[in-house]
């Protein structure tokens, strides 16, 4: 599968990314690539991020498109803290997506 590299944040603006709105450019770029059938390599090299930033970048994608899209995303150059935040957010949003989908199916049955 072809993939594109998406830098999670603009280092020209610093290395700390804590606000949700700071994730929007990377999320939009990643989402366009995923919807066109490409894989995405998210590069966190040199960045410090918060849970809110990761939730806006990755959590929103999971809620919109389902947990399966995680198979098409590679997380690169993550610190241990960043990796832990990604794992927490992904697990939480996957569970939320699963619960929401189950409720929708129960109402439709």
Foldseek 3Di string as FASTA:
>chain_A
DAEDEAEQADCVVPAEEEAQVRRVVSQVVCVVQVVVPAAYEYESASHDYDLSNLCSRPLVCCLVPNLVNVVRYHYPNDDPVRVVSNVVSSVVSNVVNVVVVVVVVVVVD
